[in-house]
Amino acid sequence: MIRIDDDWVIDVDENNYILKKDLHSEKKRKDGTVEHNWKVIGYYSSPDKALKRFGEEIIRNRLRGAEMGLPEAVRAIRESMKEWSQMVERIVTE
């Protein structure tokens, strides 16, 4: 599992890179084990596609439910893209 930040991970299985959002909750299974709750955003064939989708999620979350004019929306999209770019850059240079 690749942790992007406190809220996002890219899980890896034999076929996919899976973008997941951490719901910060757990549930107990019948056998007594604890399972972490994730929201699966999507399945991707490469890590760069999963990271690209993560960037789209940052933008979508910023615009969702907001009422703004086109100039404000463009500014929000640019700021979100910058945030994503800086986050990826930090990961790459660590």
N, C-alpha and C. Protein backbone atom coordinates (compact mmCIF):
# COMPACT_ATOMS: atom_id res chain seq x y z
N MET A 1 0.84 -1.18 0.00
CA MET A 1 0.00 0.00 0.00
C MET A 1 0.89 1.24 0.00
N ILE A 2 0.52 2.19 -0.82
CA ILE A 2 1.25 3.45 -0.93
C ILE A 2 0.40 4.54 -0.28
N ARG A 3 0.88 5.10 0.81
CA ARG A 3 0.13 6.16 1.48
C ARG A 3 0.51 7.49 0.84
N ILE A 4 -0.51 8.18 0.31
CA ILE A 4 -0.30 9.49 -0.31
C ILE A 4 -0.28 10.56 0.77
N ASP A 5 -1.30 10.54 1.62
CA ASP A 5 -1.38 11.45 2.76
C ASP A 5 -2.27 10.79 3.81
N ASP A 6 -2.77 11.54 4.77
CA ASP A 6 -3.58 10.95 5.83
C ASP A 6 -4.92 10.42 5.34
N ASP A 7 -5.38 10.89 4.19
CA ASP A 7 -6.70 10.50 3.69
C ASP A 7 -6.70 9.57 2.49
N TRP A 8 -5.58 9.45 1.81
CA TRP A 8 -5.56 8.72 0.54
C TRP A 8 -4.43 7.70 0.48
N VAL A 9 -4.74 6.56 -0.17
CA VAL A 9 -3.74 5.53 -0.42
C VAL A 9 -3.94 4.97 -1.82
N ILE A 10 -2.89 4.38 -2.33
CA ILE A 10 -2.98 3.55 -3.53
C ILE A 10 -2.61 2.14 -3.08
N ASP A 11 -3.59 1.27 -3.11
CA ASP A 11 -3.37 -0.13 -2.75
C ASP A 11 -2.96 -0.87 -4.02
N VAL A 12 -2.22 -1.93 -3.87
CA VAL A 12 -1.70 -2.66 -5.02
C VAL A 12 -2.06 -4.13 -4.86
N ASP A 13 -2.64 -4.72 -5.90
CA ASP A 13 -2.83 -6.16 -5.92
C ASP A 13 -2.17 -6.71 -7.18
N GLU A 14 -2.41 -7.95 -7.49
CA GLU A 14 -1.72 -8.56 -8.63
C GLU A 14 -2.17 -8.00 -9.97
N ASN A 15 -3.32 -7.31 -10.01
CA ASN A 15 -3.84 -6.80 -11.28
C ASN A 15 -4.01 -5.29 -11.36
N ASN A 16 -4.08 -4.62 -10.22
CA ASN A 16 -4.50 -3.23 -10.23
C ASN A 16 -3.75 -2.36 -9.23
N TYR A 17 -3.86 -1.07 -9.48
CA TYR A 17 -3.52 -0.03 -8.51
C TYR A 17 -4.86 0.57 -8.13
N ILE A 18 -5.18 0.55 -6.85
CA ILE A 18 -6.51 0.90 -6.38
C ILE A 18 -6.44 2.17 -5.54
N LEU A 19 -7.08 3.23 -6.03
CA LEU A 19 -7.13 4.48 -5.30
C LEU A 19 -8.23 4.39 -4.26
N LYS A 20 -7.87 4.64 -2.98
CA LYS A 20 -8.82 4.54 -1.88
C LYS A 20 -8.75 5.77 -1.00
N LYS A 21 -9.92 6.17 -0.51
CA LYS A 21 -10.01 7.26 0.46
C LYS A 21 -10.25 6.64 1.83
N ASP A 22 -9.46 7.08 2.79
CA ASP A 22 -9.58 6.59 4.16
C ASP A 22 -10.79 7.24 4.81
N LEU A 23 -11.72 6.44 5.30
CA LEU A 23 -12.91 6.97 5.96
C LEU A 23 -12.69 7.18 7.45
N HIS A 24 -11.50 6.85 7.92
CA HIS A 24 -11.11 7.05 9.32
C HIS A 24 -12.09 6.41 10.29
N SER A 25 -12.50 5.20 9.96
CA SER A 25 -13.35 4.43 10.86
C SER A 25 -13.03 2.95 10.69
N GLU A 26 -13.48 2.18 11.63
CA GLU A 26 -13.24 0.74 11.60
C GLU A 26 -14.53 0.02 11.93
N LYS A 27 -14.61 -1.23 11.48
CA LYS A 27 -15.75 -2.06 11.85
C LYS A 27 -15.23 -3.42 12.31
N LYS A 28 -15.93 -3.97 13.29
CA LYS A 28 -15.56 -5.29 13.78
C LYS A 28 -16.26 -6.35 12.96
N ARG A 29 -15.49 -7.34 12.59
CA ARG A 29 -16.04 -8.47 11.86
C ARG A 29 -16.56 -9.50 12.86
N LYS A 30 -17.33 -10.43 12.38
CA LYS A 30 -17.90 -11.46 13.24
C LYS A 30 -16.83 -12.30 13.93
N ASP A 31 -15.69 -12.45 13.27
CA ASP A 31 -14.61 -13.26 13.87
C ASP A 31 -13.78 -12.48 14.88
N GLY A 32 -14.17 -11.21 15.14
CA GLY A 32 -13.48 -10.41 16.15
C GLY A 32 -12.38 -9.53 15.62
N THR A 33 -11.99 -9.72 14.37
CA THR A 33 -10.95 -8.86 13.80
C THR A 33 -11.54 -7.50 13.43
N VAL A 34 -10.67 -6.53 13.35
CA VAL A 34 -11.08 -5.17 13.02
C VAL A 34 -10.68 -4.88 11.59
N GLU A 35 -11.61 -4.33 10.85
CA GLU A 35 -11.37 -4.00 9.45
C GLU A 35 -11.47 -2.49 9.26
N HIS A 36 -10.49 -1.92 8.60
CA HIS A 36 -10.45 -0.49 8.32
C HIS A 36 -11.42 -0.18 7.18
N ASN A 37 -12.13 0.94 7.26
CA ASN A 37 -13.08 1.32 6.21
C ASN A 37 -12.43 2.24 5.18
N TRP A 38 -12.56 1.85 3.92
CA TRP A 38 -12.04 2.62 2.80
C TRP A 38 -13.15 2.85 1.79
N LYS A 39 -13.09 3.95 1.08
CA LYS A 39 -13.96 4.15 -0.07
C LYS A 39 -13.09 3.96 -1.31
N VAL A 40 -13.41 2.95 -2.10
CA VAL A 40 -12.64 2.69 -3.32
C VAL A 40 -13.09 3.67 -4.39
N ILE A 41 -12.14 4.42 -4.92
CA ILE A 41 -12.43 5.40 -5.96
C ILE A 41 -12.34 4.76 -7.34
N GLY A 42 -11.35 3.88 -7.53
CA GLY A 42 -11.23 3.23 -8.82
C GLY A 42 -10.04 2.30 -8.90
N TYR A 43 -10.03 1.51 -9.97
CA TYR A 43 -8.97 0.53 -10.24
C TYR A 43 -8.24 0.98 -11.50
N TYR A 44 -6.90 0.95 -11.44
CA TYR A 44 -6.10 1.50 -12.54
C TYR A 44 -4.98 0.53 -12.91
N SER A 45 -4.55 0.63 -14.16
CA SER A 45 -3.53 -0.29 -14.67
C SER A 45 -2.11 0.15 -14.35
N SER A 46 -1.94 1.39 -13.88
CA SER A 46 -0.60 1.88 -13.56
C SER A 46 -0.68 2.88 -12.40
N PRO A 47 0.43 3.06 -11.68
CA PRO A 47 0.42 4.01 -10.58
C PRO A 47 0.22 5.45 -11.06
N ASP A 48 0.75 5.80 -12.23
CA ASP A 48 0.56 7.17 -12.71
C ASP A 48 -0.90 7.47 -13.03
N LYS A 49 -1.65 6.47 -13.50
CA LYS A 49 -3.08 6.67 -13.75
C LYS A 49 -3.84 6.84 -12.44
N ALA A 50 -3.44 6.10 -11.41
CA ALA A 50 -4.07 6.26 -10.10
C ALA A 50 -3.76 7.63 -9.52
N LEU A 51 -2.53 8.09 -9.67
CA LEU A 51 -2.16 9.43 -9.18
C LEU A 51 -2.89 10.52 -9.96
N LYS A 52 -3.06 10.33 -11.25
CA LYS A 52 -3.80 11.31 -12.05
C LYS A 52 -5.25 11.40 -11.55
N ARG A 53 -5.84 10.25 -11.27
CA ARG A 53 -7.21 10.24 -10.75
C ARG A 53 -7.29 10.91 -9.38
N PHE A 54 -6.26 10.73 -8.57
CA PHE A 54 -6.20 11.41 -7.28
C PHE A 54 -6.23 12.93 -7.48
N GLY A 55 -5.50 13.42 -8.46
CA GLY A 55 -5.52 14.85 -8.78
C GLY A 55 -6.90 15.31 -9.19
N GLU A 56 -7.59 14.51 -9.97
CA GLU A 56 -8.96 14.84 -10.37
C GLU A 56 -9.89 14.88 -9.15
N GLU A 57 -9.65 14.01 -8.19
CA GLU A 57 -10.46 14.00 -6.96
C GLU A 57 -10.24 15.27 -6.15
N ILE A 58 -9.01 15.75 -6.10
CA ILE A 58 -8.73 17.00 -5.39
C ILE A 58 -9.56 18.13 -6.01
N ILE A 59 -9.56 18.20 -7.33
CA ILE A 59 -10.33 19.24 -8.03
C ILE A 59 -11.82 19.05 -7.77
N ARG A 60 -12.30 17.84 -7.94
CA ARG A 60 -13.72 17.55 -7.76
C ARG A 60 -14.19 17.91 -6.35
N ASN A 61 -13.40 17.55 -5.36
CA ASN A 61 -13.77 17.85 -3.97
C ASN A 61 -13.80 19.35 -3.72
N ARG A 62 -12.93 20.08 -4.37
CA ARG A 62 -12.88 21.54 -4.20
C ARG A 62 -14.10 22.21 -4.82
N LEU A 63 -14.58 21.66 -5.95
CA LEU A 63 -15.70 22.28 -6.66
C LEU A 63 -17.06 21.76 -6.20
N ARG A 64 -17.09 20.55 -5.65
CA ARG A 64 -18.36 19.94 -5.27
C ARG A 64 -19.10 20.79 -4.24
N GLY A 65 -20.34 21.10 -4.54
CA GLY A 65 -21.19 21.83 -3.63
C GLY A 65 -20.93 23.33 -3.57
N ALA A 66 -19.92 23.79 -4.29
CA ALA A 66 -19.60 25.22 -4.27
C ALA A 66 -20.37 25.93 -5.38
N GLU A 67 -20.70 27.17 -5.11
CA GLU A 67 -21.31 28.00 -6.14
C GLU A 67 -20.34 29.13 -6.43
N MET A 68 -19.85 29.18 -7.67
CA MET A 68 -18.86 30.18 -8.03
C MET A 68 -18.97 30.48 -9.51
N GLY A 69 -18.45 31.61 -9.89
CA GLY A 69 -18.38 31.97 -11.30
C GLY A 69 -17.22 31.25 -11.96
N LEU A 70 -17.18 31.34 -13.28
CA LEU A 70 -16.12 30.68 -14.04
C LEU A 70 -14.72 31.14 -13.62
N PRO A 71 -14.46 32.43 -13.43
CA PRO A 71 -13.12 32.83 -13.02
C PRO A 71 -12.70 32.20 -11.69
N GLU A 72 -13.64 32.14 -10.73
CA GLU A 72 -13.32 31.52 -9.43
C GLU A 72 -13.10 30.01 -9.59
N ALA A 73 -13.89 29.38 -10.46
CA ALA A 73 -13.73 27.95 -10.69
C ALA A 73 -12.38 27.65 -11.32
N VAL A 74 -11.99 28.46 -12.29
CA VAL A 74 -10.68 28.27 -12.94
C VAL A 74 -9.57 28.45 -11.91
N ARG A 75 -9.69 29.45 -11.06
CA ARG A 75 -8.69 29.69 -10.02
C ARG A 75 -8.64 28.49 -9.06
N ALA A 76 -9.79 27.97 -8.67
CA ALA A 76 -9.84 26.81 -7.77
C ALA A 76 -9.21 25.59 -8.42
N ILE A 77 -9.46 25.40 -9.71
CA ILE A 77 -8.87 24.27 -10.43
C ILE A 77 -7.35 24.42 -10.48
N ARG A 78 -6.88 25.60 -10.80
CA ARG A 78 -5.43 25.84 -10.85
C ARG A 78 -4.77 25.61 -9.49
N GLU A 79 -5.41 26.11 -8.44
CA GLU A 79 -4.86 25.91 -7.09
C GLU A 79 -4.85 24.43 -6.72
N SER A 80 -5.89 23.71 -7.10
CA SER A 80 -5.96 22.28 -6.82
C SER A 80 -4.88 21.52 -7.58
N MET A 81 -4.67 21.90 -8.84
CA MET A 81 -3.63 21.26 -9.63
C MET A 81 -2.25 21.54 -9.05
N LYS A 82 -2.05 22.75 -8.56
CA LYS A 82 -0.78 23.11 -7.93
C LYS A 82 -0.57 22.29 -6.66
N GLU A 83 -1.64 22.16 -5.86
CA GLU A 83 -1.57 21.35 -4.63
C GLU A 83 -1.19 19.91 -4.96
N TRP A 84 -1.84 19.34 -5.98
CA TRP A 84 -1.55 17.96 -6.40
C TRP A 84 -0.11 17.84 -6.88
N SER A 85 0.32 18.79 -7.70
CA SER A 85 1.67 18.77 -8.23
C SER A 85 2.71 18.83 -7.11
N GLN A 86 2.50 19.70 -6.13
CA GLN A 86 3.43 19.81 -5.01
C GLN A 86 3.44 18.54 -4.17
N MET A 87 2.29 17.94 -3.99
CA MET A 87 2.20 16.71 -3.22
C MET A 87 2.97 15.59 -3.91
N VAL A 88 2.77 15.45 -5.21
CA VAL A 88 3.48 14.42 -5.98
C VAL A 88 4.97 14.70 -5.99
N GLU A 89 5.36 15.94 -6.12
CA GLU A 89 6.77 16.32 -6.13
C GLU A 89 7.43 15.96 -4.79
N ARG A 90 6.73 16.22 -3.67
CA ARG A 90 7.27 15.84 -2.37
C ARG A 90 7.48 14.34 -2.27
N ILE A 91 6.53 13.58 -2.82
CA ILE A 91 6.64 12.12 -2.77
C ILE A 91 7.82 11.66 -3.59
N VAL A 92 7.97 12.23 -4.77
CA VAL A 92 9.04 11.82 -5.69
C VAL A 92 10.42 12.17 -5.15
N THR A 93 10.56 13.30 -4.47
CA THR A 93 11.88 13.74 -4.02
C THR A 93 12.26 13.22 -2.65
N GLU A 94 11.37 12.56 -1.96
CA GLU A 94 11.71 12.03 -0.63
C GLU A 94 12.63 10.84 -0.72
